[in-house]
Amino acid sequence: GKGFWHKDEIYQYKPETYAGDDNLRI
């Protein structure tokens, strides 16, 4: 139940191909 800090590389996604929270359970 807690947010966290982590060392990693994080992507952002192409707006035109990202399925979005209308299709995904984030």
Full PDB file with SEQRES, HELIX, SHEET, SSBOND, CRYST1, ORIGX, SCALE, CONECT and MASTER records, all heavy atoms in Angstrom:
SEQRES   1 A   26  GLY LYS GLY PHE TRP HIS LYS ASP GLU ILE TYR GLN TYR          
SEQRES   2 A   26  LYS PRO GLU THR TYR ALA GLY ASP ASP ASN LEU ARG ILE          
CRYST1    1.000    1.000    1.000  90.00  90.00  90.00 P 1           1          
ORIGX1      1.000000  0.000000  0.000000        0.00000                         
ORIGX2      0.000000  1.000000  0.000000        0.00000                         
ORIGX3      0.000000  0.000000  1.000000        0.00000                         
SCALE1      1.000000  0.000000  0.000000        0.00000                         
SCALE2      0.000000  1.000000  0.000000        0.00000                         
SCALE3      0.000000  0.000000  1.000000        0.00000                         
ATOM      1  N   GLY A   1       0.780  -1.228   0.000  1.00  0.00           N  
ATOM      2  CA  GLY A   1       0.000   0.000   0.000  1.00  0.00           C  
ATOM      3  C   GLY A   1       0.813   1.280   0.000  1.00  0.00           C  
ATOM      4  O   GLY A   1       0.264   2.367   0.217  1.00  0.00           O  
ATOM      5  N   LYS A   2       2.113   1.191  -0.256  1.00  0.00           N  
ATOM      6  CA  LYS A   2       2.980   2.364  -0.176  1.00  0.00           C  
ATOM      7  C   LYS A   2       3.716   2.601  -1.500  1.00  0.00           C  
ATOM      8  O   LYS A   2       4.198   1.658  -2.124  1.00  0.00           O  
ATOM      9  CB  LYS A   2       4.014   2.189   0.943  1.00  0.00           C  
ATOM     10  CG  LYS A   2       3.405   1.995   2.322  1.00  0.00           C  
ATOM     11  CD  LYS A   2       4.480   1.715   3.348  1.00  0.00           C  
ATOM     12  CE  LYS A   2       3.873   1.458   4.720  1.00  0.00           C  
ATOM     13  NZ  LYS A   2       4.922   1.139   5.716  1.00  0.00           N  
ATOM     14  N   GLY A   3       3.819   3.882  -1.893  1.00  0.00           N  
ATOM     15  CA  GLY A   3       4.687   4.231  -3.005  1.00  0.00           C  
ATOM     16  C   GLY A   3       6.135   3.960  -2.624  1.00  0.00           C  
ATOM     17  O   GLY A   3       6.450   3.703  -1.451  1.00  0.00           O  
ATOM     18  N   PHE A   4       7.043   4.038  -3.592  1.00  0.00           N  
ATOM     19  CA  PHE A   4       8.421   3.638  -3.314  1.00  0.00           C  
ATOM     20  C   PHE A   4       9.400   4.372  -4.227  1.00  0.00           C  
ATOM     21  O   PHE A   4       9.006   5.013  -5.203  1.00  0.00           O  
ATOM     22  CB  PHE A   4       8.573   2.120  -3.487  1.00  0.00           C  
ATOM     23  CG  PHE A   4       8.243   1.623  -4.878  1.00  0.00           C  
ATOM     24  CD1 PHE A   4       9.239   1.353  -5.809  1.00  0.00           C  
ATOM     25  CD2 PHE A   4       6.912   1.418  -5.260  1.00  0.00           C  
ATOM     26  CE1 PHE A   4       8.927   0.886  -7.082  1.00  0.00           C  
ATOM     27  CE2 PHE A   4       6.595   0.955  -6.542  1.00  0.00           C  
ATOM     28  CZ  PHE A   4       7.604   0.697  -7.444  1.00  0.00           C  
ATOM     29  N   TRP A   5      10.675   4.264  -3.907  1.00  0.00           N  
ATOM     30  CA  TRP A   5      11.764   4.809  -4.724  1.00  0.00           C  
ATOM     31  C   TRP A   5      12.571   3.633  -5.258  1.00  0.00           C  
ATOM     32  O   TRP A   5      12.793   2.649  -4.547  1.00  0.00           O  
ATOM     33  CB  TRP A   5      12.659   5.735  -3.897  1.00  0.00           C  
ATOM     34  CG  TRP A   5      11.978   6.988  -3.466  1.00  0.00           C  
ATOM     35  CD1 TRP A   5      11.080   7.133  -2.447  1.00  0.00           C  
ATOM     36  CD2 TRP A   5      12.137   8.284  -4.043  1.00  0.00           C  
ATOM     37  NE1 TRP A   5      10.664   8.430  -2.345  1.00  0.00           N  
ATOM     38  CE2 TRP A   5      11.297   9.168  -3.312  1.00  0.00           C  
ATOM     39  CE3 TRP A   5      12.896   8.800  -5.094  1.00  0.00           C  
ATOM     40  CZ2 TRP A   5      11.201  10.529  -3.606  1.00  0.00           C  
ATOM     41  CZ3 TRP A   5      12.806  10.145  -5.383  1.00  0.00           C  
ATOM     42  CH2 TRP A   5      11.970  10.995  -4.657  1.00  0.00           C  
ATOM     43  N   HIS A   6      13.003   3.738  -6.501  1.00  0.00           N  
ATOM     44  CA  HIS A   6      13.720   2.619  -7.122  1.00  0.00           C  
ATOM     45  C   HIS A   6      14.629   3.153  -8.230  1.00  0.00           C  
ATOM     46  O   HIS A   6      14.264   4.086  -8.953  1.00  0.00           O  
ATOM     47  CB  HIS A   6      12.720   1.617  -7.701  1.00  0.00           C  
ATOM     48  CG  HIS A   6      13.340   0.457  -8.412  1.00  0.00           C  
ATOM     49  ND1 HIS A   6      14.112  -0.488  -7.774  1.00  0.00           N  
ATOM     50  CD2 HIS A   6      13.308   0.098  -9.723  1.00  0.00           C  
ATOM     51  CE1 HIS A   6      14.532  -1.391  -8.655  1.00  0.00           C  
ATOM     52  NE2 HIS A   6      14.062  -1.057  -9.834  1.00  0.00           N  
ATOM     53  N   LYS A   7      15.795   2.539  -8.368  1.00  0.00           N  
ATOM     54  CA  LYS A   7      16.764   2.931  -9.394  1.00  0.00           C  
ATOM     55  C   LYS A   7      16.559   2.084 -10.640  1.00  0.00           C  
ATOM     56  O   LYS A   7      16.780   0.878 -10.614  1.00  0.00           O  
ATOM     57  CB  LYS A   7      18.193   2.761  -8.866  1.00  0.00           C  
ATOM     58  CG  LYS A   7      19.269   3.245  -9.832  1.00  0.00           C  
ATOM     59  CD  LYS A   7      20.656   3.105  -9.204  1.00  0.00           C  
ATOM     60  CE  LYS A   7      21.737   3.625 -10.150  1.00  0.00           C  
ATOM     61  NZ  LYS A   7      23.088   3.509  -9.545  1.00  0.00           N  
ATOM     62  N   ASP A   8      16.125   2.715 -11.719  1.00  0.00           N  
ATOM     63  CA  ASP A   8      15.875   1.990 -12.966  1.00  0.00           C  
ATOM     64  C   ASP A   8      15.656   3.004 -14.091  1.00  0.00           C  
ATOM     65  O   ASP A   8      15.553   4.207 -13.832  1.00  0.00           O  
ATOM     66  CB  ASP A   8      14.652   1.081 -12.837  1.00  0.00           C  
ATOM     67  CG  ASP A   8      14.808  -0.235 -13.593  1.00  0.00           C  
ATOM     68  OD1 ASP A   8      15.501  -0.237 -14.634  1.00  0.00           O  
ATOM     69  OD2 ASP A   8      14.246  -1.247 -13.143  1.00  0.00           O  
ATOM     70  N   GLU A   9      15.593   2.527 -15.300  1.00  0.00           N  
ATOM     71  CA  GLU A   9      15.319   3.382 -16.462  1.00  0.00           C  
ATOM     72  C   GLU A   9      13.832   3.286 -16.799  1.00  0.00           C  
ATOM     73  O   GLU A   9      13.297   2.187 -16.951  1.00  0.00           O  
ATOM     74  CB  GLU A   9      16.150   2.919 -17.656  1.00  0.00           C  
ATOM     75  CG  GLU A   9      15.901   3.709 -18.926  1.00  0.00           C  
ATOM     76  CD  GLU A   9      16.600   3.078 -20.117  1.00  0.00           C  
ATOM     77  OE1 GLU A   9      17.771   3.432 -20.356  1.00  0.00           O  
ATOM     78  OE2 GLU A   9      15.988   2.215 -20.785  1.00  0.00           O  
ATOM     79  N   ILE A  10      13.182   4.441 -16.936  1.00  0.00           N  
ATOM     80  CA  ILE A  10      11.737   4.452 -17.109  1.00  0.00           C  
ATOM     81  C   ILE A  10      11.357   5.083 -18.447  1.00  0.00           C  
ATOM     82  O   ILE A  10      11.770   6.196 -18.777  1.00  0.00           O  
ATOM     83  CB  ILE A  10      11.056   5.214 -15.955  1.00  0.00           C  
ATOM     84  CG1 ILE A  10      11.460   4.592 -14.614  1.00  0.00           C  
ATOM     85  CG2 ILE A  10       9.539   5.215 -16.138  1.00  0.00           C  
ATOM     86  CD1 ILE A  10      11.125   3.113 -14.474  1.00  0.00           C  
ATOM     87  N   TYR A  11      10.556   4.346 -19.202  1.00  0.00           N  
ATOM     88  CA  TYR A  11      10.093   4.809 -20.509  1.00  0.00           C  
ATOM     89  C   TYR A  11       8.891   5.741 -20.380  1.00  0.00           C  
ATOM     90  O   TYR A  11       8.105   5.655 -19.448  1.00  0.00           O  
ATOM     91  CB  TYR A  11       9.607   3.623 -21.360  1.00  0.00           C  
ATOM     92  CG  TYR A  11      10.647   2.654 -21.817  1.00  0.00           C  
ATOM     93  CD1 TYR A  11      10.247   1.467 -22.449  1.00  0.00           C  
ATOM     94  CD2 TYR A  11      12.005   2.867 -21.645  1.00  0.00           C  
ATOM     95  CE1 TYR A  11      11.171   0.545 -22.899  1.00  0.00           C  
ATOM     96  CE2 TYR A  11      12.931   1.944 -22.087  1.00  0.00           C  
ATOM     97  CZ  TYR A  11      12.512   0.785 -22.709  1.00  0.00           C  
ATOM     98  OH  TYR A  11      13.419  -0.146 -23.155  1.00  0.00           O  
ATOM     99  N   GLN A  12       8.747   6.581 -21.392  1.00  0.00           N  
ATOM    100  CA  GLN A  12       7.465   7.204 -21.680  1.00  0.00           C  
ATOM    101  C   GLN A  12       7.001   6.599 -23.001  1.00  0.00           C  
ATOM    102  O   GLN A  12       7.804   6.023 -23.740  1.00  0.00           O  
ATOM    103  CB  GLN A  12       7.585   8.722 -21.770  1.00  0.00           C  
ATOM    104  CG  GLN A  12       8.603   9.203 -22.779  1.00  0.00           C  
ATOM    105  CD  GLN A  12       8.845  10.705 -22.666  1.00  0.00           C  
ATOM    106  OE1 GLN A  12       8.322  11.383 -21.805  1.00  0.00           O  
ATOM    107  NE2 GLN A  12       9.660  11.236 -23.554  1.00  0.00           N  
ATOM    108  N   TYR A  13       5.720   6.720 -23.305  1.00  0.00           N  
ATOM    109  CA  TYR A  13       5.145   5.988 -24.432  1.00  0.00           C  
ATOM    110  C   TYR A  13       4.558   6.929 -25.477  1.00  0.00           C  
ATOM    111  O   TYR A  13       4.050   8.007 -25.155  1.00  0.00           O  
ATOM    112  CB  TYR A  13       4.086   4.999 -23.927  1.00  0.00           C  
ATOM    113  CG  TYR A  13       4.686   4.028 -22.952  1.00  0.00           C  
ATOM    114  CD1 TYR A  13       4.656   4.273 -21.581  1.00  0.00           C  
ATOM    115  CD2 TYR A  13       5.370   2.904 -23.397  1.00  0.00           C  
ATOM    116  CE1 TYR A  13       5.257   3.422 -20.687  1.00  0.00           C  
ATOM    117  CE2 TYR A  13       5.980   2.046 -22.515  1.00  0.00           C  
ATOM    118  CZ  TYR A  13       5.923   2.305 -21.166  1.00  0.00           C  
ATOM    119  OH  TYR A  13       6.550   1.459 -20.270  1.00  0.00           O  
ATOM    120  N   LYS A  14       4.649   6.507 -26.718  1.00  0.00           N  
ATOM    121  CA  LYS A  14       4.140   7.318 -27.819  1.00  0.00           C  
ATOM    122  C   LYS A  14       2.652   7.597 -27.606  1.00  0.00           C  
ATOM    123  O   LYS A  14       1.864   6.655 -27.470  1.00  0.00           O  
ATOM    124  CB  LYS A  14       4.339   6.591 -29.154  1.00  0.00           C  
ATOM    125  CG  LYS A  14       5.797   6.411 -29.551  1.00  0.00           C  
ATOM    126  CD  LYS A  14       5.893   5.678 -30.875  1.00  0.00           C  
ATOM    127  CE  LYS A  14       7.351   5.504 -31.290  1.00  0.00           C  
ATOM    128  NZ  LYS A  14       7.467   4.748 -32.558  1.00  0.00           N  
ATOM    129  N   PRO A  15       2.266   8.863 -27.608  1.00  0.00           N  
ATOM    130  CA  PRO A  15       0.844   9.176 -27.374  1.00  0.00           C  
ATOM    131  C   PRO A  15      -0.083   8.490 -28.371  1.00  0.00           C  
ATOM    132  O   PRO A  15      -1.193   8.101 -28.019  1.00  0.00           O  
ATOM    133  CB  PRO A  15       0.804  10.705 -27.537  1.00  0.00           C  
ATOM    134  CG  PRO A  15       2.190  11.164 -27.227  1.00  0.00           C  
ATOM    135  CD  PRO A  15       3.093  10.082 -27.738  1.00  0.00           C  
ATOM    136  N   GLU A  16       0.385   8.303 -29.598  1.00  0.00           N  
ATOM    137  CA  GLU A  16      -0.488   7.739 -30.630  1.00  0.00           C  
ATOM    138  C   GLU A  16      -0.635   6.217 -30.532  1.00  0.00           C  
ATOM    139  O   GLU A  16      -1.532   5.634 -31.144  1.00  0.00           O  
ATOM    140  CB  GLU A  16       0.009   8.113 -32.027  1.00  0.00           C  
ATOM    141  CG  GLU A  16       1.365   7.536 -32.418  1.00  0.00           C  
ATOM    142  CD  GLU A  16       2.555   8.388 -32.009  1.00  0.00           C  
ATOM    143  OE1 GLU A  16       2.395   9.228 -31.089  1.00  0.00           O  
ATOM    144  OE2 GLU A  16       3.633   8.222 -32.613  1.00  0.00           O  
ATOM    145  N   THR A  17       0.241   5.552 -29.766  1.00  0.00           N  
ATOM    146  CA  THR A  17       0.145   4.093 -29.655  1.00  0.00           C  
ATOM    147  C   THR A  17      -0.135   3.609 -28.237  1.00  0.00           C  
ATOM    148  O   THR A  17      -0.461   2.435 -28.049  1.00  0.00           O  
ATOM    149  CB  THR A  17       1.453   3.424 -30.147  1.00  0.00           C  
ATOM    150  OG1 THR A  17       2.558   3.902 -29.361  1.00  0.00           O  
ATOM    151  CG2 THR A  17       1.703   3.723 -31.612  1.00  0.00           C  
ATOM    152  N   TYR A  18      -0.022   4.478 -27.247  1.00  0.00           N  
ATOM    153  CA  TYR A  18      -0.297   4.080 -25.867  1.00  0.00           C  
ATOM    154  C   TYR A  18      -1.788   3.784 -25.703  1.00  0.00           C  
ATOM    155  O   TYR A  18      -2.641   4.591 -26.057  1.00  0.00           O  
ATOM    156  CB  TYR A  18       0.149   5.195 -24.920  1.00  0.00           C  
ATOM    157  CG  TYR A  18      -0.286   5.010 -23.494  1.00  0.00           C  
ATOM    158  CD1 TYR A  18       0.036   3.844 -22.796  1.00  0.00           C  
ATOM    159  CD2 TYR A  18      -1.016   5.996 -22.838  1.00  0.00           C  
ATOM    160  CE1 TYR A  18      -0.372   3.667 -21.488  1.00  0.00           C  
ATOM    161  CE2 TYR A  18      -1.423   5.829 -21.520  1.00  0.00           C  
ATOM    162  CZ  TYR A  18      -1.100   4.667 -20.855  1.00  0.00           C  
ATOM    163  OH  TYR A  18      -1.505   4.490 -19.562  1.00  0.00           O  
ATOM    164  N   ALA A  19      -2.109   2.616 -25.156  1.00  0.00           N  
ATOM    165  CA  ALA A  19      -3.499   2.175 -25.047  1.00  0.00           C  
ATOM    166  C   ALA A  19      -4.314   3.007 -24.067  1.00  0.00           C  
ATOM    167  O   ALA A  19      -5.534   3.122 -24.206  1.00  0.00           O  
ATOM    168  CB  ALA A  19      -3.546   0.698 -24.648  1.00  0.00           C  
ATOM    169  N   GLY A  20      -3.676   3.577 -23.051  1.00  0.00           N  
ATOM    170  CA  GLY A  20      -4.346   4.490 -22.142  1.00  0.00           C  
ATOM    171  C   GLY A  20      -5.180   3.818 -21.072  1.00  0.00           C  
ATOM    172  O   GLY A  20      -5.469   2.617 -21.122  1.00  0.00           O  
ATOM    173  N   ASP A  21      -5.582   4.621 -20.071  1.00  0.00           N  
ATOM    174  CA  ASP A  21      -6.316   4.044 -18.947  1.00  0.00           C  
ATOM    175  C   ASP A  21      -7.777   3.767 -19.266  1.00  0.00           C  
ATOM    176  O   ASP A  21      -8.521   3.320 -18.401  1.00  0.00           O  
ATOM    177  CB  ASP A  21      -6.167   4.893 -17.686  1.00  0.00           C  
ATOM    178  CG  ASP A  21      -6.564   6.340 -17.894  1.00  0.00           C  
ATOM    179  OD1 ASP A  21      -7.109   6.659 -18.964  1.00  0.00           O  
ATOM    180  OD2 ASP A  21      -6.325   7.148 -16.979  1.00  0.00           O  
ATOM    181  N   ASP A  22      -8.187   3.993 -20.507  1.00  0.00           N  
ATOM    182  CA  ASP A  22      -9.499   3.511 -20.947  1.00  0.00           C  
ATOM    183  C   ASP A  22      -9.446   2.039 -21.343  1.00  0.00           C  
ATOM    184  O   ASP A  22     -10.482   1.394 -21.518  1.00  0.00           O  
ATOM    185  CB  ASP A  22      -9.998   4.324 -22.149  1.00  0.00           C  
ATOM    186  CG  ASP A  22     -10.517   5.700 -21.734  1.00  0.00           C  
ATOM    187  OD1 ASP A  22     -10.944   5.846 -20.579  1.00  0.00           O  
ATOM    188  OD2 ASP A  22     -10.477   6.613 -22.566  1.00  0.00           O  
ATOM    189  N   ASN A  23      -8.218   1.520 -21.501  1.00  0.00           N  
ATOM    190  CA  ASN A  23      -8.029   0.129 -21.911  1.00  0.00           C  
ATOM    191  C   ASN A  23      -7.170  -0.677 -20.939  1.00  0.00           C  
ATOM    192  O   ASN A  23      -7.234  -1.909 -20.937  1.00  0.00           O  
ATOM    193  CB  ASN A  23      -7.377   0.079 -23.297  1.00  0.00           C  
ATOM    194  CG  ASN A  23      -8.244   0.701 -24.368  1.00  0.00           C  
ATOM    195  OD1 ASN A  23      -9.280   0.159 -24.718  1.00  0.00           O  
ATOM    196  ND2 ASN A  23      -7.826   1.843 -24.896  1.00  0.00           N  
ATOM    197  N   LEU A  24      -6.380  -0.004 -20.135  1.00  0.00           N  
ATOM    198  CA  LEU A  24      -5.449  -0.668 -19.222  1.00  0.00           C  
ATOM    199  C   LEU A  24      -5.834  -0.404 -17.776  1.00  0.00           C  
ATOM    200  O   LEU A  24      -6.350   0.661 -17.446  1.00  0.00           O  
ATOM    201  CB  LEU A  24      -4.022  -0.148 -19.437  1.00  0.00           C  
ATOM    202  CG  LEU A  24      -3.481  -0.136 -20.867  1.00  0.00           C  
ATOM    203  CD1 LEU A  24      -2.112   0.547 -20.888  1.00  0.00           C  
ATOM    204  CD2 LEU A  24      -3.390  -1.540 -21.433  1.00  0.00           C  
ATOM    205  N   ARG A  25      -5.553  -1.368 -16.920  1.00  0.00           N  
ATOM    206  CA  ARG A  25      -5.662  -1.131 -15.474  1.00  0.00           C  
ATOM    207  C   ARG A  25      -4.257  -0.736 -15.014  1.00  0.00           C  
ATOM    208  O   ARG A  25      -3.355  -1.568 -14.899  1.00  0.00           O  
ATOM    209  CB  ARG A  25      -6.148  -2.384 -14.750  1.00  0.00           C  
ATOM    210  CG  ARG A  25      -6.366  -2.182 -13.242  1.00  0.00           C  
ATOM    211  CD  ARG A  25      -7.477  -1.149 -12.984  1.00  0.00           C  
ATOM    212  NE  ARG A  25      -7.902  -1.174 -11.586  1.00  0.00           N  
ATOM    213  CZ  ARG A  25      -8.939  -1.874 -11.150  1.00  0.00           C  
ATOM    214  NH1 ARG A  25      -9.652  -2.619 -12.001  1.00  0.00           N  
ATOM    215  NH2 ARG A  25      -9.270  -1.835  -9.877  1.00  0.00           N  
ATOM    216  N   ILE A  26      -4.065   0.555 -14.762  1.00  0.00           N  
ATOM    217  CA  ILE A  26      -2.754   1.052 -14.374  1.00  0.00           C  
ATOM    218  C   ILE A  26      -2.496   0.699 -12.917  1.00  0.00           C  
ATOM    219  O   ILE A  26      -3.320   0.981 -12.037  1.00  0.00           O  
ATOM    220  CB  ILE A  26      -2.650   2.581 -14.570  1.00  0.00           C  
ATOM    221  CG1 ILE A  26      -3.096   2.972 -15.991  1.00  0.00           C  
ATOM    222  CG2 ILE A  26      -1.225   3.046 -14.296  1.00  0.00           C  
ATOM    223  CD1 ILE A  26      -2.300   2.349 -17.092  1.00  0.00           C  
TER     224      ILE A  26                                                      
MASTER        0    0    0    0    0    0    0    6  223    1    0    2          
END                                                                             
